[in-house]
Amino acid sequence: MKHSERHATLTSEICFLTATNLAEKIRSKQLSCLEVMQAHLTQIERVNCKVNAIVTIVADAALEQARKADEALSQGQQIGPLHGLPVAHKDLVPTRGVRTTFGSPIYADHIPDEDGLIIQRLRDAGAIMVGKTNVPEFGAGSHTFNNVFGATLNPYDTSKTCGGSSGGAAVALACGMVPIADGSDTGGSLRNPANFCNVVGFRTAPGRVPFWPTDVAWFPISVQGPMARTVQDTALMLSAIAGPDRRAPISLGDSGDIFRQSLERTFDGARIAWSRDLGGLPVDPRVSNVLDARKSVFEDLGCVVTNDVPDFSDADEVFKVWRAWAMELKFAELLETRRDQIKDTVIWNVERGMELTGPQLGRAERKHTAVYQRVREFMEHYEYLIMPVSQVPPFDINTEYPTQIAGTDMETYIDWMKSCYFITVTGLPAISVPAGFTEDGLPVGVQIVGRHHDEFGVLQVAHAFEQATGFWKSRPAVVNEDIVN
C-alpha cells in the first residue's frame, strides 16, 4: 500500500469513529484534538470537492482552536461533552465573523456580528467549527441547491439530490467530514436529508432546543436540532444544545443532561402504530418495499405492532397557512426590493402569505389545535407511530422537486413532503434513522414519532432499531474512491 493510501485509510478510520467514541478518545488522550481536526480537514479536502457539502471552510481557525483545546486538556481544565469534536454549521445560522449566506445571492458576502444560540451552545460544549454547510435558498424546499454555491450531491449516487434543507449537513456526516452537525426543520429539513443520506436527523418538540435570534420567537413550526451518524451521537449532541433560554419564550425548562443517560431499554409489550402511507398519502413503492421489510425488526424487539394511523384531517391546510405566514413575515420586505434575486418558489410562498386574512389564520389555528388533540388521544394508546420519512427516494439532481408520486400529481413544491410536515403540525418529536437501501442502492430511512415531549423515548427505540439493523455502518463509495484507485 502506498504512503498516500495508508494516510487516507488512517484518516478515514478516525473520521468514521462515532462522535461518542471520538469524545472518549480525546478525553482519555488516546487522540489529540489536533489529530482529530487534521484528519477531518484532510477528509474535507479530499471528498468535499465531489459532493459540495461544506461551502465555507475555516481550516486555520479550526486548527488553532484544536491546539487550544489540547492545551486545556493538558492543564486539567474542565471540558465539555463535545470537547475537540469538529462540527459544521448550517448556512442559515449566523456565525460571528464567518460568512453566512442563507443560500441567497443577496447575502453572498454577509458576515454576521453575532452567533446563533445553537452555535454558542455547541462551542461552550467544546465543539470546534470547521465551516458552513450548504442549504437551499433561504432553506425553502427539501432539495439543496442555490445560485451562490450550486447543488450538493448525494454521496450514494451523485446524480441524485441529498434532500434538504439541511442537505450539506447530512452529506458532510455521511462522508466523514464531521461527526456532528446542526440543522433545522420546518417541513422535514432535519429528517428528509438524513433519510436520503443514511444518517440520523432529529426534529425535537418546539422549544426543546431554544431558537435565537429570530423575529418570530413564538412560532411553533420551525426548530433547530442535531444530526449525526448514530442515534447515540445525536443524543450526545442534543444534551449540549437542549435546555431553557430566556431569549426563546417557548423554550422548555428541562436540562439537556437527560440525553447523556444510557439509551438501553427493553421494549416488551411497547405498543407501536405502523403506517405505510399515513392514511392514504401516495408513496413510491421503492420506499414501501424497504420499510415493509423492517416491520419485523420492531416485533423482534418485543413491540406490539399494529397497522393504524391517527386522523390527520386539515394538517395540510394548517401547515401551509403557518408556512405562508412565516414566509411573508420573513421575506415580504425583501420581495419588494430584491425580487429579481429570489427564486420562484420562495416568491410564490411569500405571496401566498400576503394573501392570508385574519379569519383564515383563525380557522387554521382552531384546526391546528384539533389535529393536535386527535393525535394526542391516538398516542395515549400507542407509544410510537412509525412511518416513512419521505414519500420518494432521492430523485434526480436536476429536478427541482417531485411533481408526481405513484401516479398522483403534487400541487406545490412542498406537497411531496407531507409525510414529514403532517408531523410538524403535531409538535411531536420525530427522528429519521437509516432503514436500508433501495435495489439501486439509495438510502431509505424510517420515521419514528413519539409522544408529546418524549424525546428520550424516541431516542431509545431508535437506538434499539439501529443496533438491530446496523445500516448506519454503510459508507458511500465516494469516500473510498481515491483510497482504492
Protein backbone atom coordinates (compact mmCIF):
# COMPACT_ATOMS: atom_id res chain seq x y z
CA MET A 1 0.00 0.00 0.00
CA LYS A 2 1.37 3.43 -0.97
CA HIS A 3 2.02 6.03 1.75
CA SER A 4 -0.80 8.24 0.41
CA GLU A 5 -3.19 5.28 0.56
CA ARG A 6 -2.16 4.43 4.14
CA HIS A 7 -2.66 8.07 5.15
CA ALA A 8 -6.09 8.18 3.52
CA THR A 9 -7.05 4.93 5.25
CA LEU A 10 -5.91 6.19 8.67
CA THR A 11 -7.76 9.46 8.13
CA SER A 12 -10.90 7.57 7.16
CA GLU A 13 -10.66 5.39 10.29
CA ILE A 14 -10.58 8.46 12.54
CA CYS A 15 -13.30 10.25 10.61
CA PHE A 16 -15.74 7.35 10.82
CA LEU A 17 -15.40 6.83 14.54
CA THR A 18 -18.62 7.77 16.28
CA ALA A 19 -18.73 11.15 17.96
CA THR A 20 -19.17 9.38 21.30
CA ASN A 21 -16.06 7.29 20.69
CA LEU A 22 -14.08 10.27 19.46
CA ALA A 23 -15.01 12.28 22.55
CA GLU A 24 -13.87 9.41 24.78
CA LYS A 25 -10.57 9.03 22.95
CA ILE A 26 -9.92 12.77 23.22
CA ARG A 27 -10.81 12.81 26.91
CA SER A 28 -8.50 9.84 27.60
CA LYS A 29 -5.78 11.38 25.37
CA GLN A 30 -5.69 8.41 23.00
CA LEU A 31 -6.19 11.01 20.27
CA SER A 32 -5.38 14.70 20.44
CA CYS A 33 -7.84 17.36 19.36
CA LEU A 34 -5.30 18.43 16.74
CA GLU A 35 -5.05 14.91 15.29
CA VAL A 36 -8.82 14.68 15.09
CA MET A 37 -9.12 18.08 13.46
CA GLN A 38 -6.33 17.43 10.95
CA ALA A 39 -7.95 14.14 9.95
CA HIS A 40 -11.32 15.77 9.33
CA LEU A 41 -9.84 18.70 7.42
CA THR A 42 -7.96 16.20 5.24
CA GLN A 43 -11.23 14.36 4.64
CA ILE A 44 -12.93 17.63 3.70
CA GLU A 45 -10.14 18.48 1.27
CA ARG A 46 -10.30 15.01 -0.28
CA VAL A 47 -14.05 14.46 -0.52
CA ASN A 48 -15.88 17.79 -0.40
CA CYS A 49 -15.00 18.65 -3.98
CA LYS A 50 -17.02 15.60 -5.08
CA VAL A 51 -20.23 16.48 -3.23
CA ASN A 52 -20.19 20.23 -2.38
CA ALA A 53 -21.42 19.83 1.20
CA ILE A 54 -19.31 22.40 3.10
CA VAL A 55 -19.38 25.74 1.34
CA THR A 56 -17.30 27.93 3.67
CA ILE A 57 -14.28 26.35 5.39
CA VAL A 58 -12.35 27.90 8.29
CA ALA A 59 -9.42 25.50 8.47
CA ASP A 60 -6.83 27.80 10.07
CA ALA A 61 -9.18 28.90 12.84
CA ALA A 62 -10.23 25.28 13.43
CA LEU A 63 -6.63 24.12 13.80
CA GLU A 64 -5.88 26.95 16.21
CA GLN A 65 -8.93 26.09 18.31
CA ALA A 66 -7.87 22.43 18.32
CA ARG A 67 -4.46 23.38 19.70
CA LYS A 68 -6.12 25.43 22.42
CA ALA A 69 -8.41 22.50 23.20
CA ASP A 70 -5.37 20.26 23.68
CA GLU A 71 -3.81 22.84 25.98
CA ALA A 72 -6.96 22.90 28.08
CA LEU A 73 -6.79 19.12 28.43
CA SER A 74 -3.10 19.16 29.36
CA GLN A 75 -3.78 21.78 32.04
CA GLY A 76 -6.56 19.70 33.56
CA GLN A 77 -9.26 22.25 32.82
CA GLN A 78 -12.90 21.21 32.98
CA ILE A 79 -14.10 20.31 29.48
CA GLY A 80 -17.49 19.94 27.82
CA PRO A 81 -19.08 16.79 26.40
CA LEU A 82 -18.16 17.71 22.81
CA HIS A 83 -14.60 18.80 23.56
CA GLY A 84 -12.47 18.81 20.42
CA LEU A 85 -15.17 17.47 18.08
CA PRO A 86 -15.32 19.11 14.63
CA VAL A 87 -18.75 20.49 13.78
CA ALA A 88 -20.19 22.18 10.69
CA HIS A 89 -22.99 24.73 10.98
CA LYS A 90 -25.93 25.14 8.65
CA ASP A 91 -25.61 28.20 6.42
CA LEU A 92 -28.92 29.53 7.74
CA VAL A 93 -27.49 30.05 11.24
CA PRO A 94 -25.50 33.23 11.92
CA THR A 95 -21.83 32.72 12.80
CA ARG A 96 -19.97 35.74 14.09
CA GLY A 97 -17.17 36.75 11.72
CA VAL A 98 -17.85 33.84 9.33
CA ARG A 99 -19.80 34.20 6.09
CA THR A 100 -23.46 33.22 6.33
CA THR A 101 -25.30 33.43 3.01
CA PHE A 102 -28.70 31.73 3.63
CA GLY A 103 -28.10 30.28 0.17
CA SER A 104 -29.07 33.62 -1.36
CA PRO A 105 -27.07 35.82 -3.73
CA ILE A 106 -28.48 38.77 -1.79
CA TYR A 107 -26.36 37.67 1.18
CA ALA A 108 -23.43 36.17 -0.70
CA ASP A 109 -20.93 38.31 1.24
CA HIS A 110 -22.85 38.63 4.51
CA ILE A 111 -20.75 38.32 7.68
CA PRO A 112 -22.81 38.36 10.90
CA ASP A 113 -21.65 40.11 14.05
CA GLU A 114 -23.26 37.57 16.39
CA ASP A 115 -23.63 33.81 16.76
CA GLY A 116 -26.88 31.95 16.89
CA LEU A 117 -27.68 30.39 20.26
CA ILE A 118 -27.14 26.86 18.94
CA ILE A 119 -23.64 27.93 17.82
CA GLN A 120 -22.90 29.33 21.27
CA ARG A 121 -24.01 26.14 22.98
CA LEU A 122 -22.00 23.86 20.72
CA ARG A 123 -18.91 25.99 21.24
CA ASP A 124 -19.45 26.07 25.00
CA ALA A 125 -19.67 22.25 24.94
CA GLY A 126 -16.25 22.13 23.28
CA ALA A 127 -17.13 21.58 19.61
CA ILE A 128 -14.95 23.35 17.04
CA MET A 129 -16.38 24.87 13.86
CA VAL A 130 -14.85 23.72 10.57
CA GLY A 131 -17.25 25.58 8.28
CA LYS A 132 -20.79 26.12 6.99
CA THR A 133 -22.97 23.55 5.21
CA ASN A 134 -24.95 24.15 2.04
CA VAL A 135 -28.69 24.87 2.00
CA PRO A 136 -31.47 25.69 -0.47
CA GLU A 137 -32.12 29.41 -0.90
CA PHE A 138 -33.49 30.63 2.46
CA GLY A 139 -33.93 26.98 3.39
CA ALA A 140 -37.02 26.71 1.19
CA GLY A 141 -37.61 23.27 -0.27
CA SER A 142 -36.16 19.84 0.51
CA HIS A 143 -33.55 19.89 -2.26
CA THR A 144 -30.21 21.57 -1.57
CA PHE A 145 -29.21 23.90 -4.39
CA ASN A 146 -28.79 27.65 -4.76
CA ASN A 147 -27.29 30.30 -7.04
CA VAL A 148 -24.39 31.02 -4.69
CA PHE A 149 -22.77 27.59 -4.36
CA GLY A 150 -24.74 25.27 -6.64
CA ALA A 151 -26.14 21.88 -5.65
CA THR A 152 -25.00 19.44 -3.00
CA LEU A 153 -24.84 15.89 -4.37
CA ASN A 154 -25.99 12.69 -2.75
CA PRO A 155 -22.85 10.73 -1.82
CA TYR A 156 -24.56 7.38 -2.54
CA ASP A 157 -25.34 8.50 -6.09
CA THR A 158 -24.02 11.89 -7.18
CA SER A 159 -26.67 12.13 -9.88
CA LYS A 160 -29.29 12.40 -7.12
CA THR A 161 -30.33 15.02 -4.56
CA CYS A 162 -29.28 14.80 -0.92
CA GLY A 163 -32.56 16.35 0.20
CA GLY A 164 -32.77 19.47 2.32
CA SER A 165 -32.76 21.92 3.68
CA SER A 166 -30.02 20.52 5.95
CA GLY A 167 -28.58 18.76 2.93
CA GLY A 168 -24.99 19.90 3.25
CA ALA A 169 -25.00 18.78 6.88
CA ALA A 170 -26.29 15.30 6.02
CA VAL A 171 -23.72 14.82 3.25
CA ALA A 172 -20.85 16.07 5.41
CA LEU A 173 -21.80 13.49 8.03
CA ALA A 174 -22.23 10.65 5.55
CA CYS A 175 -18.81 11.38 4.08
CA GLY A 176 -16.97 11.53 7.40
CA MET A 177 -16.20 15.23 7.10
CA VAL A 178 -17.67 15.91 10.56
CA PRO A 179 -19.00 13.66 13.34
CA ILE A 180 -21.87 16.01 14.28
CA ALA A 181 -23.72 18.83 12.53
CA ASP A 182 -26.61 21.13 13.31
CA GLY A 183 -29.70 21.50 11.19
CA SER A 184 -33.18 22.95 11.29
CA ASP A 185 -36.62 21.67 10.38
CA THR A 186 -39.90 23.27 9.36
CA GLY A 187 -41.37 20.75 6.96
CA GLY A 188 -38.80 17.99 7.24
CA SER A 189 -35.39 19.64 6.88
CA LEU A 190 -33.69 17.61 9.60
CA ARG A 191 -35.44 14.36 8.70
CA ASN A 192 -35.53 14.33 4.89
CA PRO A 193 -31.79 14.80 4.18
CA ALA A 194 -30.88 12.34 6.93
CA ASN A 195 -33.22 9.86 5.26
CA PHE A 196 -31.67 10.49 1.84
CA CYS A 197 -28.08 10.18 3.10
CA ASN A 198 -28.19 7.27 5.60
CA VAL A 199 -27.63 9.38 8.72
CA VAL A 200 -29.76 10.46 11.69
CA GLY A 201 -31.77 13.67 11.94
CA PHE A 202 -33.93 14.52 14.95
CA ARG A 203 -36.77 17.04 14.97
CA THR A 204 -37.48 17.63 18.64
CA ALA A 205 -40.51 19.37 20.11
CA PRO A 206 -40.60 23.15 19.61
CA GLY A 207 -38.68 24.71 22.49
CA ARG A 208 -36.53 21.68 23.30
CA VAL A 209 -33.65 23.44 21.54
CA PRO A 210 -34.10 27.21 22.01
CA PHE A 211 -34.14 29.18 18.74
CA TRP A 212 -32.40 32.57 18.73
CA PRO A 213 -32.06 35.02 17.01
CA THR A 214 -35.46 35.06 15.37
CA ASP A 215 -38.10 37.68 14.60
CA VAL A 216 -40.91 35.16 15.26
CA ALA A 217 -39.98 33.77 18.66
CA TRP A 218 -43.46 32.36 19.34
CA PHE A 219 -43.74 30.37 16.09
CA PRO A 220 -44.05 26.63 16.84
CA ILE A 221 -43.32 25.04 13.47
CA SER A 222 -39.58 25.68 12.99
CA VAL A 223 -36.96 24.03 15.19
CA GLN A 224 -33.20 23.60 15.25
CA GLY A 225 -31.66 20.28 16.17
CA PRO A 226 -28.96 17.64 15.96
CA MET A 227 -27.71 15.41 13.16
CA ALA A 228 -25.13 12.64 13.41
CA ARG A 229 -24.33 9.18 12.06
CA THR A 230 -25.74 7.31 15.08
CA VAL A 231 -28.60 7.78 17.49
CA GLN A 232 -26.19 7.79 20.46
CA ASP A 233 -24.22 10.64 18.88
CA THR A 234 -27.44 12.51 18.17
CA ALA A 235 -28.38 12.20 21.84
CA LEU A 236 -24.92 13.41 22.89
CA MET A 237 -25.23 16.49 20.72
CA LEU A 238 -28.78 17.13 21.90
CA SER A 239 -27.56 17.09 25.50
CA ALA A 240 -25.40 20.11 24.70
CA ILE A 241 -27.97 22.20 22.82
CA ALA A 242 -31.17 21.49 24.77
CA GLY A 243 -32.29 23.48 27.81
CA PRO A 244 -34.07 26.76 28.56
CA ASP A 245 -33.06 30.26 27.50
CA ARG A 246 -34.97 33.45 28.31
CA ARG A 247 -34.46 34.79 24.79
CA ALA A 248 -36.63 31.92 23.49
CA PRO A 249 -40.04 32.30 25.17
CA ILE A 250 -41.28 28.82 24.17
CA SER A 251 -38.12 27.07 25.36
CA LEU A 252 -38.71 24.09 27.66
CA GLY A 253 -37.38 24.17 31.19
CA ASP A 254 -35.70 20.75 31.25
CA SER A 255 -31.92 20.44 31.19
CA GLY A 256 -30.29 18.56 28.34
CA ASP A 257 -28.44 16.30 30.78
CA ILE A 258 -31.00 13.51 30.45
CA PHE A 259 -29.83 12.86 26.90
CA ARG A 260 -26.43 11.70 28.18
CA GLN A 261 -28.06 8.80 30.05
CA SER A 262 -27.99 5.26 28.67
CA LEU A 263 -30.42 4.65 25.81
CA GLU A 264 -30.68 0.94 26.59
CA ARG A 265 -34.20 -0.30 27.30
CA THR A 266 -36.38 -3.36 26.78
CA PHE A 267 -39.46 -2.98 24.59
CA ASP A 268 -41.51 -5.99 25.55
CA GLY A 269 -45.14 -5.02 25.08
CA ALA A 270 -44.44 -1.50 23.80
CA ARG A 271 -47.33 -0.57 21.52
CA ILE A 272 -46.46 0.76 18.07
CA ALA A 273 -48.76 2.10 15.35
CA TRP A 274 -47.34 1.23 11.94
CA SER A 275 -48.39 3.20 8.89
CA ARG A 276 -47.17 2.64 5.34
CA ASP A 277 -48.77 5.82 3.97
CA LEU A 278 -50.16 7.94 6.83
CA GLY A 279 -53.73 7.20 5.85
CA GLY A 280 -53.56 7.34 2.07
CA LEU A 281 -50.62 9.52 1.01
CA PRO A 282 -49.00 8.38 -2.24
CA VAL A 283 -45.72 6.60 -1.51
CA ASP A 284 -43.18 5.36 -4.04
CA PRO A 285 -43.15 1.54 -3.90
CA ARG A 286 -39.35 1.55 -3.61
CA VAL A 287 -39.74 3.26 -0.24
CA SER A 288 -42.57 0.97 0.86
CA ASN A 289 -40.60 -2.14 -0.07
CA VAL A 290 -37.70 -1.16 2.19
CA LEU A 291 -39.89 -0.22 5.14
CA ASP A 292 -42.12 -3.30 4.84
CA ALA A 293 -39.01 -5.40 5.37
CA ARG A 294 -38.25 -3.59 8.66
CA LYS A 295 -41.57 -4.08 10.40
CA SER A 296 -40.38 -7.39 11.84
CA VAL A 297 -37.40 -5.66 13.49
CA PHE A 298 -39.71 -3.88 15.91
CA GLU A 299 -41.64 -7.08 16.51
CA ASP A 300 -38.38 -8.90 17.27
CA LEU A 301 -37.60 -6.18 19.83
CA GLY A 302 -40.77 -7.18 21.63
CA CYS A 303 -43.04 -4.41 20.41
CA VAL A 304 -46.70 -4.99 19.66
CA VAL A 305 -47.04 -3.59 16.14
CA THR A 306 -50.48 -2.67 14.79
CA ASN A 307 -51.39 -1.18 11.42
CA ASP A 308 -53.03 2.07 12.48
CA VAL A 309 -52.84 5.82 11.89
CA PRO A 310 -54.32 8.92 13.54
CA ASP A 311 -56.68 11.30 11.77
CA PHE A 312 -54.58 13.96 10.06
CA SER A 313 -57.53 15.81 8.52
CA ASP A 314 -56.70 19.50 8.00
CA ALA A 315 -52.98 19.03 8.75
CA ASP A 316 -52.16 20.03 5.17
CA GLU A 317 -54.12 23.28 5.41
CA VAL A 318 -52.69 24.12 8.82
CA PHE A 319 -49.09 23.62 7.73
CA LYS A 320 -49.46 25.58 4.51
CA VAL A 321 -51.11 28.53 6.28
CA TRP A 322 -48.45 28.65 9.00
CA ARG A 323 -45.63 28.27 6.46
CA ALA A 324 -47.02 31.00 4.20
CA TRP A 325 -47.48 33.30 7.19
CA ALA A 326 -43.88 32.70 8.26
CA MET A 327 -42.57 33.32 4.74
CA GLU A 328 -44.47 36.60 4.50
CA LEU A 329 -43.16 37.76 7.86
CA LYS A 330 -39.57 36.93 6.96
CA PHE A 331 -39.33 37.93 3.31
CA ALA A 332 -42.14 40.27 2.23
CA GLU A 333 -40.00 43.40 2.57
CA LEU A 334 -37.12 41.72 0.73
CA LEU A 335 -39.51 40.75 -2.04
CA GLU A 336 -40.34 44.42 -2.61
CA THR A 337 -36.70 45.41 -3.19
CA ARG A 338 -34.85 42.29 -4.42
CA ARG A 339 -37.49 40.24 -6.21
CA ASP A 340 -35.23 39.57 -9.19
CA GLN A 341 -32.74 37.78 -6.91
CA ILE A 342 -35.24 35.44 -5.23
CA LYS A 343 -36.23 32.03 -6.60
CA ASP A 344 -39.74 31.44 -7.88
CA THR A 345 -40.87 29.03 -5.18
CA VAL A 346 -39.95 31.49 -2.42
CA ILE A 347 -41.78 34.29 -4.25
CA TRP A 348 -44.84 32.07 -4.61
CA ASN A 349 -44.82 31.13 -0.93
CA VAL A 350 -44.37 34.72 0.24
CA GLU A 351 -47.23 35.87 -1.95
CA ARG A 352 -49.47 33.15 -0.52
CA GLY A 353 -48.67 34.59 2.88
CA MET A 354 -49.52 38.11 1.74
CA GLU A 355 -52.96 36.89 0.65
CA LEU A 356 -53.86 35.44 4.05
CA THR A 357 -56.67 37.03 6.02
CA GLY A 358 -57.34 37.16 9.74
CA PRO A 359 -60.23 34.68 9.54
CA GLN A 360 -58.03 32.24 7.59
CA LEU A 361 -55.37 32.38 10.30
CA GLY A 362 -58.00 31.92 12.98
CA ARG A 363 -59.54 28.88 11.28
CA ALA A 364 -56.11 27.35 10.75
CA GLU A 365 -55.26 27.72 14.42
CA ARG A 366 -58.51 26.12 15.53
CA LYS A 367 -57.80 23.22 13.18
CA HIS A 368 -54.22 23.13 14.45
CA THR A 369 -55.50 22.53 17.97
CA ALA A 370 -57.95 19.91 16.77
CA VAL A 371 -55.22 17.98 14.91
CA TYR A 372 -53.01 18.01 17.99
CA GLN A 373 -55.78 16.76 20.26
CA ARG A 374 -56.77 13.94 17.89
CA VAL A 375 -53.19 12.76 17.57
CA ARG A 376 -52.59 13.13 21.32
CA GLU A 377 -55.55 10.87 22.05
CA PHE A 378 -54.26 8.37 19.49
CA MET A 379 -50.82 8.41 21.14
CA GLU A 380 -52.34 7.61 24.52
CA HIS A 381 -52.93 4.16 23.05
CA TYR A 382 -49.59 3.85 21.23
CA GLU A 383 -46.14 4.80 22.47
CA TYR A 384 -44.79 5.31 18.96
CA LEU A 385 -46.01 5.96 15.42
CA ILE A 386 -43.70 4.57 12.74
CA MET A 387 -43.94 5.58 9.10
CA PRO A 388 -41.95 6.73 6.04
CA VAL A 389 -39.77 9.82 6.31
CA SER A 390 -40.12 10.84 2.68
CA GLN A 391 -42.64 9.57 0.17
CA VAL A 392 -39.95 9.17 -2.51
CA PRO A 393 -36.32 8.02 -2.62
CA PRO A 394 -33.62 10.52 -3.68
CA PHE A 395 -34.55 11.98 -7.07
CA ASP A 396 -32.56 13.43 -9.96
CA ILE A 397 -30.31 16.35 -9.03
CA ASN A 398 -31.71 18.39 -11.93
CA THR A 399 -35.32 18.00 -10.76
CA GLU A 400 -36.31 20.94 -8.55
CA TYR A 401 -38.99 18.94 -6.76
CA PRO A 402 -41.15 15.86 -7.50
CA THR A 403 -44.32 16.75 -9.37
CA GLN A 404 -45.83 13.26 -9.16
CA ILE A 405 -45.67 10.32 -6.73
CA ALA A 406 -47.07 6.91 -7.60
CA GLY A 407 -49.33 8.45 -10.24
CA THR A 408 -50.59 11.30 -8.03
CA ASP A 409 -49.80 14.88 -9.06
CA MET A 410 -48.23 17.24 -6.50
CA GLU A 411 -49.88 20.68 -6.31
CA THR A 412 -46.95 22.66 -4.87
CA TYR A 413 -43.20 22.44 -4.35
CA ILE A 414 -43.67 21.07 -0.82
CA ASP A 415 -46.53 18.57 -1.29
CA TRP A 416 -44.15 15.65 -1.69
CA MET A 417 -43.09 16.14 1.95
CA LYS A 418 -46.49 15.66 3.62
CA SER A 419 -45.19 12.59 5.45
CA CYS A 420 -42.86 14.95 7.31
CA TYR A 421 -44.87 18.15 7.65
CA PHE A 422 -48.03 16.47 8.92
CA ILE A 423 -45.89 15.51 11.93
CA THR A 424 -44.59 19.08 12.18
CA VAL A 425 -48.18 20.22 12.76
CA THR A 426 -48.48 17.95 15.81
CA GLY A 427 -45.36 19.27 17.53
CA LEU A 428 -44.38 15.70 18.40
CA PRO A 429 -40.71 14.61 18.37
CA ALA A 430 -39.73 12.66 15.25
CA ILE A 431 -36.45 11.07 14.21
CA SER A 432 -35.16 9.69 10.91
CA VAL A 433 -32.99 6.58 11.28
CA PRO A 434 -31.28 4.58 8.48
CA ALA A 435 -33.53 1.67 7.49
CA GLY A 436 -31.88 0.21 4.38
CA PHE A 437 -31.46 0.78 0.67
CA THR A 438 -33.48 0.51 -2.50
CA GLU A 439 -32.47 -2.09 -5.10
CA ASP A 440 -30.34 0.56 -6.80
CA GLY A 441 -28.52 1.48 -3.58
CA LEU A 442 -30.34 4.64 -2.50
CA PRO A 443 -30.81 5.18 1.26
CA VAL A 444 -34.22 4.98 2.90
CA GLY A 445 -34.92 5.99 6.50
CA VAL A 446 -37.71 5.19 8.90
CA GLN A 447 -39.52 7.96 10.78
CA ILE A 448 -40.22 7.28 14.45
CA VAL A 449 -42.67 9.65 16.14
CA GLY A 450 -43.06 9.77 19.92
CA ARG A 451 -45.45 11.18 22.47
CA HIS A 452 -45.56 14.84 23.47
CA HIS A 453 -42.12 15.91 24.79
CA ASP A 454 -40.83 12.31 24.93
CA GLU A 455 -37.61 12.87 23.01
CA PHE A 456 -35.76 10.44 25.27
CA GLY A 457 -38.22 7.65 24.49
CA VAL A 458 -37.84 8.29 20.76
CA LEU A 459 -34.06 8.07 21.07
CA GLN A 460 -34.37 4.79 22.99
CA VAL A 461 -36.42 2.94 20.38
CA ALA A 462 -34.41 4.49 17.53
CA HIS A 463 -31.22 3.27 19.20
CA ALA A 464 -32.63 -0.24 19.59
CA PHE A 465 -33.66 -0.33 15.92
CA GLU A 466 -30.27 0.97 14.84
CA GLN A 467 -28.41 -1.64 16.89
CA ALA A 468 -30.60 -4.41 15.48
CA THR A 469 -30.06 -3.40 11.86
CA GLY A 470 -26.66 -1.71 11.55
CA PHE A 471 -27.41 0.20 8.34
CA TRP A 472 -25.59 3.24 9.73
CA LYS A 473 -22.29 1.43 9.23
CA SER A 474 -22.58 1.67 5.44
CA ARG A 475 -20.30 4.22 3.80
CA PRO A 476 -20.88 5.84 0.42
CA ALA A 477 -18.48 4.75 -2.28
CA VAL A 478 -17.43 8.34 -2.94
CA VAL A 479 -15.39 8.41 0.29
CA ASN A 480 -13.31 5.40 -0.73
CA GLU A 481 -12.66 6.16 -4.40
CA ASP A 482 -9.12 7.52 -4.10
CA ILE A 483 -8.19 5.01 -1.42
CA VAL A 484 -8.98 2.06 -3.69
CA ASN A 485 -7.85 3.51 -7.02
